[in-house]
């Protein structure tokens, strides 16, 4: 009895509150053009990466200290790329795109006096740049 009564009330409320009608959307025609432009397939804007090595020079929660260390490294080695990442709560400064550990060890030996806590990490690196002389040949 209760189930029948409950079903009857549910059926009546569904009929009473159901609505019918048409919805008309008025929009700017530029929206369709923007959606079409955004939906075009584009290749990802990434650099090809390979397995390699970088030297982690410094980490700290104060980004200004990291930038000071980055500046002193760039002054000494302007052709070696630097990479700053953030992994809460610290900023990390890594340098280089070394294909072999030996390449990384050579640079690490040169900077050891200024960055005594630096160490080599294995990670994905960008393809090293070609020297200008190599491009001309």
C-alpha atoms as a PDB file:
ATOM      1  CA  UNK A   1       0.000   0.000   0.000  1.00  0.00           C
ATOM      2  CA  UNK A   2       2.745   2.425   0.990  1.00  0.00           C
ATOM      3  CA  UNK A   3       4.783   1.519  -2.105  1.00  0.00           C
ATOM      4  CA  UNK A   4       1.812   2.113  -4.391  1.00  0.00           C
ATOM      5  CA  UNK A   5       1.040   5.443  -2.725  1.00  0.00           C
ATOM      6  CA  UNK A   6       4.710   6.527  -2.964  1.00  0.00           C
ATOM      7  CA  UNK A   7       4.851   5.532  -6.640  1.00  0.00           C
ATOM      8  CA  UNK A   8       1.662   7.475  -7.346  1.00  0.00           C
ATOM      9  CA  UNK A   9       3.036  10.633  -5.674  1.00  0.00           C
ATOM     10  CA  UNK A  10       6.321  10.298  -7.593  1.00  0.00           C
ATOM     11  CA  UNK A  11       4.450   9.908 -10.891  1.00  0.00           C
ATOM     12  CA  UNK A  12       2.192  12.908 -10.239  1.00  0.00           C
ATOM     13  CA  UNK A  13       5.118  15.130  -9.164  1.00  0.00           C
ATOM     14  CA  UNK A  14       7.052  14.167 -12.300  1.00  0.00           C
ATOM     15  CA  UNK A  15       4.106  15.200 -14.473  1.00  0.00           C
ATOM     16  CA  UNK A  16       3.482  18.399 -12.519  1.00  0.00           C
ATOM     17  CA  UNK A  17       7.060  19.666 -12.590  1.00  0.00           C
ATOM     18  CA  UNK A  18       8.061  18.616 -16.080  1.00  0.00           C
ATOM     19  CA  UNK A  19       8.465  21.475 -18.490  1.00  0.00           C
ATOM     20  CA  UNK A  20       8.316  21.690 -22.218  1.00  0.00           C
ATOM     21  CA  UNK A  21       9.474  24.459 -24.443  1.00  0.00           C
ATOM     22  CA  UNK A  22      12.056  25.665 -26.887  1.00  0.00           C
ATOM     23  CA  UNK A  23      15.353  27.255 -25.988  1.00  0.00           C
ATOM     24  CA  UNK A  24      16.844  29.764 -28.348  1.00  0.00           C
ATOM     25  CA  UNK A  25      20.553  30.523 -27.997  1.00  0.00           C
ATOM     26  CA  UNK A  26      21.654  33.939 -29.126  1.00  0.00           C
ATOM     27  CA  UNK A  27      25.400  34.233 -29.488  1.00  0.00           C
ATOM     28  CA  UNK A  28      28.083  36.151 -31.286  1.00  0.00           C
ATOM     29  CA  UNK A  29      29.259  34.496 -34.513  1.00  0.00           C
ATOM     30  CA  UNK A  30      32.877  35.033 -33.439  1.00  0.00           C
ATOM     31  CA  UNK A  31      32.418  32.345 -30.772  1.00  0.00           C
ATOM     32  CA  UNK A  32      32.038  29.664 -33.446  1.00  0.00           C
ATOM     33  CA  UNK A  33      35.140  30.951 -35.233  1.00  0.00           C
ATOM     34  CA  UNK A  34      37.115  30.855 -31.979  1.00  0.00           C
ATOM     35  CA  UNK A  35      35.958  27.316 -31.161  1.00  0.00           C
ATOM     36  CA  UNK A  36      36.919  26.183 -34.667  1.00  0.00           C
ATOM     37  CA  UNK A  37      40.359  27.789 -34.393  1.00  0.00           C
ATOM     38  CA  UNK A  38      41.026  26.240 -30.962  1.00  0.00           C
ATOM     39  CA  UNK A  39      39.951  22.787 -32.142  1.00  0.00           C
ATOM     40  CA  UNK A  40      42.489  22.620 -34.969  1.00  0.00           C
ATOM     41  CA  UNK A  41      45.086  19.952 -34.359  1.00  0.00           C
ATOM     42  CA  UNK A  42      48.523  21.446 -33.824  1.00  0.00           C
ATOM     43  CA  UNK A  43      51.740  19.615 -33.057  1.00  0.00           C
ATOM     44  CA  UNK A  44      52.916  20.062 -29.481  1.00  0.00           C
ATOM     45  CA  UNK A  45      55.434  22.837 -28.909  1.00  0.00           C
ATOM     46  CA  UNK A  46      58.071  20.731 -27.206  1.00  0.00           C
ATOM     47  CA  UNK A  47      61.715  20.105 -27.827  1.00  0.00           C
ATOM     48  CA  UNK A  48      62.807  16.554 -28.492  1.00  0.00           C
ATOM     49  CA  UNK A  49      64.390  15.123 -25.370  1.00  0.00           C
ATOM     50  CA  UNK A  50      66.806  12.282 -24.718  1.00  0.00           C
ATOM     51  CA  UNK A  51      68.225  10.620 -21.625  1.00  0.00           C
ATOM     52  CA  UNK A  52      71.211  12.502 -20.289  1.00  0.00           C
ATOM     53  CA  UNK A  53      72.656  14.363 -17.334  1.00  0.00           C
ATOM     54  CA  UNK A  54      72.429  17.747 -15.658  1.00  0.00           C
ATOM     55  CA  UNK A  55      74.263  19.228 -12.709  1.00  0.00           C
ATOM     56  CA  UNK A  56      72.101  20.353  -9.813  1.00  0.00           C
ATOM     57  CA  UNK A  57      73.899  23.405  -8.464  1.00  0.00           C
ATOM     58  CA  UNK A  58      71.617  24.815  -5.852  1.00  0.00           C
ATOM     59  CA  UNK A  59      68.221  24.613  -4.179  1.00  0.00           C
ATOM     60  CA  UNK A  60      66.498  26.933  -1.740  1.00  0.00           C
ATOM     61  CA  UNK A  61      63.041  28.211  -0.882  1.00  0.00           C
ATOM     62  CA  UNK A  62      64.222  31.778  -1.596  1.00  0.00           C
ATOM     63  CA  UNK A  63      64.140  32.381  -5.341  1.00  0.00           C
ATOM     64  CA  UNK A  64      66.370  35.471  -5.100  1.00  0.00           C
ATOM     65  CA  UNK A  65      69.242  33.325  -3.741  1.00  0.00           C
ATOM     66  CA  UNK A  66      68.722  30.894  -6.587  1.00  0.00           C
ATOM     67  CA  UNK A  67      68.797  33.719  -9.140  1.00  0.00           C
ATOM     68  CA  UNK A  68      72.043  35.061  -7.632  1.00  0.00           C
ATOM     69  CA  UNK A  69      73.675  31.649  -8.041  1.00  0.00           C
ATOM     70  CA  UNK A  70      72.256  31.355 -11.546  1.00  0.00           C
ATOM     71  CA  UNK A  71      73.764  34.734 -12.457  1.00  0.00           C
ATOM     72  CA  UNK A  72      77.220  33.784 -11.203  1.00  0.00           C
ATOM     73  CA  UNK A  73      77.079  30.511 -13.173  1.00  0.00           C
ATOM     74  CA  UNK A  74      75.952  32.260 -16.378  1.00  0.00           C
ATOM     75  CA  UNK A  75      78.767  34.809 -16.015  1.00  0.00           C
ATOM     76  CA  UNK A  76      81.277  31.970 -15.998  1.00  0.00           C
ATOM     77  CA  UNK A  77      79.589  29.608 -18.495  1.00  0.00           C
ATOM     78  CA  UNK A  78      77.343  31.669 -20.803  1.00  0.00           C
ATOM     79  CA  UNK A  79      76.910  28.860 -23.354  1.00  0.00           C
ATOM     80  CA  UNK A  80      75.549  26.294 -20.862  1.00  0.00           C
ATOM     81  CA  UNK A  81      71.787  26.425 -20.415  1.00  0.00           C
ATOM     82  CA  UNK A  82      70.300  26.806 -16.938  1.00  0.00           C
ATOM     83  CA  UNK A  83      66.975  25.388 -15.737  1.00  0.00           C
ATOM     84  CA  UNK A  84      64.943  26.537 -12.767  1.00  0.00           C
ATOM     85  CA  UNK A  85      62.170  24.311 -11.418  1.00  0.00           C
ATOM     86  CA  UNK A  86      59.914  24.541  -8.410  1.00  0.00           C
ATOM     87  CA  UNK A  87      58.964  21.561  -6.292  1.00  0.00           C
ATOM     88  CA  UNK A  88      57.313  22.781  -3.091  1.00  0.00           C
ATOM     89  CA  UNK A  89      58.826  24.177  -0.962  1.00  0.00           C
ATOM     90  CA  UNK A  90      62.092  24.666  -2.890  1.00  0.00           C
ATOM     91  CA  UNK A  91      63.389  26.071  -6.150  1.00  0.00           C
ATOM     92  CA  UNK A  92      66.029  23.977  -7.936  1.00  0.00           C
ATOM     93  CA  UNK A  93      68.796  25.193 -10.237  1.00  0.00           C
ATOM     94  CA  UNK A  94      70.120  22.654 -12.727  1.00  0.00           C
ATOM     95  CA  UNK A  95      72.512  23.314 -15.578  1.00  0.00           C
ATOM     96  CA  UNK A  96      73.573  21.677 -18.803  1.00  0.00           C
ATOM     97  CA  UNK A  97      72.358  19.193 -21.355  1.00  0.00           C
ATOM     98  CA  UNK A  98      75.093  16.575 -21.131  1.00  0.00           C
ATOM     99  CA  UNK A  99      74.782  13.384 -23.157  1.00  0.00           C
ATOM    100  CA  UNK A 100      77.316  11.497 -21.051  1.00  0.00           C
ATOM    101  CA  UNK A 101      78.201  11.515 -17.384  1.00  0.00           C
ATOM    102  CA  UNK A 102      81.818  12.293 -18.369  1.00  0.00           C
ATOM    103  CA  UNK A 103      80.757  15.580 -19.998  1.00  0.00           C
ATOM    104  CA  UNK A 104      78.925  16.526 -16.805  1.00  0.00           C
ATOM    105  CA  UNK A 105      81.869  15.501 -14.617  1.00  0.00           C
ATOM    106  CA  UNK A 106      84.221  17.845 -16.536  1.00  0.00           C
ATOM    107  CA  UNK A 107      82.025  20.886 -15.852  1.00  0.00           C
ATOM    108  CA  UNK A 108      81.363  19.805 -12.265  1.00  0.00           C
ATOM    109  CA  UNK A 109      85.124  19.662 -11.631  1.00  0.00           C
ATOM    110  CA  UNK A 110      85.451  23.261 -12.880  1.00  0.00           C
ATOM    111  CA  UNK A 111      82.676  24.620 -10.657  1.00  0.00           C
ATOM    112  CA  UNK A 112      83.303  22.551  -7.536  1.00  0.00           C
ATOM    113  CA  UNK A 113      85.044  25.398  -5.674  1.00  0.00           C
ATOM    114  CA  UNK A 114      82.095  27.774  -6.188  1.00  0.00           C
ATOM    115  CA  UNK A 115      79.332  25.134  -5.869  1.00  0.00           C
ATOM    116  CA  UNK A 116      80.691  22.479  -3.485  1.00  0.00           C
ATOM    117  CA  UNK A 117      77.320  20.796  -2.922  1.00  0.00           C
ATOM    118  CA  UNK A 118      76.564  20.330  -6.632  1.00  0.00           C
ATOM    119  CA  UNK A 119      75.895  16.854  -7.931  1.00  0.00           C
ATOM    120  CA  UNK A 120      75.016  15.140 -11.197  1.00  0.00           C
ATOM    121  CA  UNK A 121      71.471  13.959 -11.861  1.00  0.00           C
ATOM    122  CA  UNK A 122      70.218  11.715 -14.633  1.00  0.00           C
ATOM    123  CA  UNK A 123      67.120  13.058 -16.394  1.00  0.00           C
ATOM    124  CA  UNK A 124      65.600  13.949 -19.736  1.00  0.00           C
ATOM    125  CA  UNK A 125      67.602  16.670 -21.456  1.00  0.00           C
ATOM    126  CA  UNK A 126      67.131  18.828 -24.519  1.00  0.00           C
ATOM    127  CA  UNK A 127      69.195  17.882 -27.527  1.00  0.00           C
ATOM    128  CA  UNK A 128      72.516  19.742 -27.230  1.00  0.00           C
ATOM    129  CA  UNK A 129      72.909  22.651 -29.622  1.00  0.00           C
ATOM    130  CA  UNK A 130      75.216  22.357 -32.589  1.00  0.00           C
ATOM    131  CA  UNK A 131      78.168  24.738 -32.742  1.00  0.00           C
ATOM    132  CA  UNK A 132      77.906  27.445 -35.378  1.00  0.00           C
ATOM    133  CA  UNK A 133      81.000  26.071 -37.150  1.00  0.00           C
ATOM    134  CA  UNK A 134      79.340  22.659 -37.509  1.00  0.00           C
ATOM    135  CA  UNK A 135      76.254  24.193 -39.153  1.00  0.00           C
ATOM    136  CA  UNK A 136      78.368  25.881 -41.850  1.00  0.00           C
ATOM    137  CA  UNK A 137      80.162  22.690 -42.858  1.00  0.00           C
END
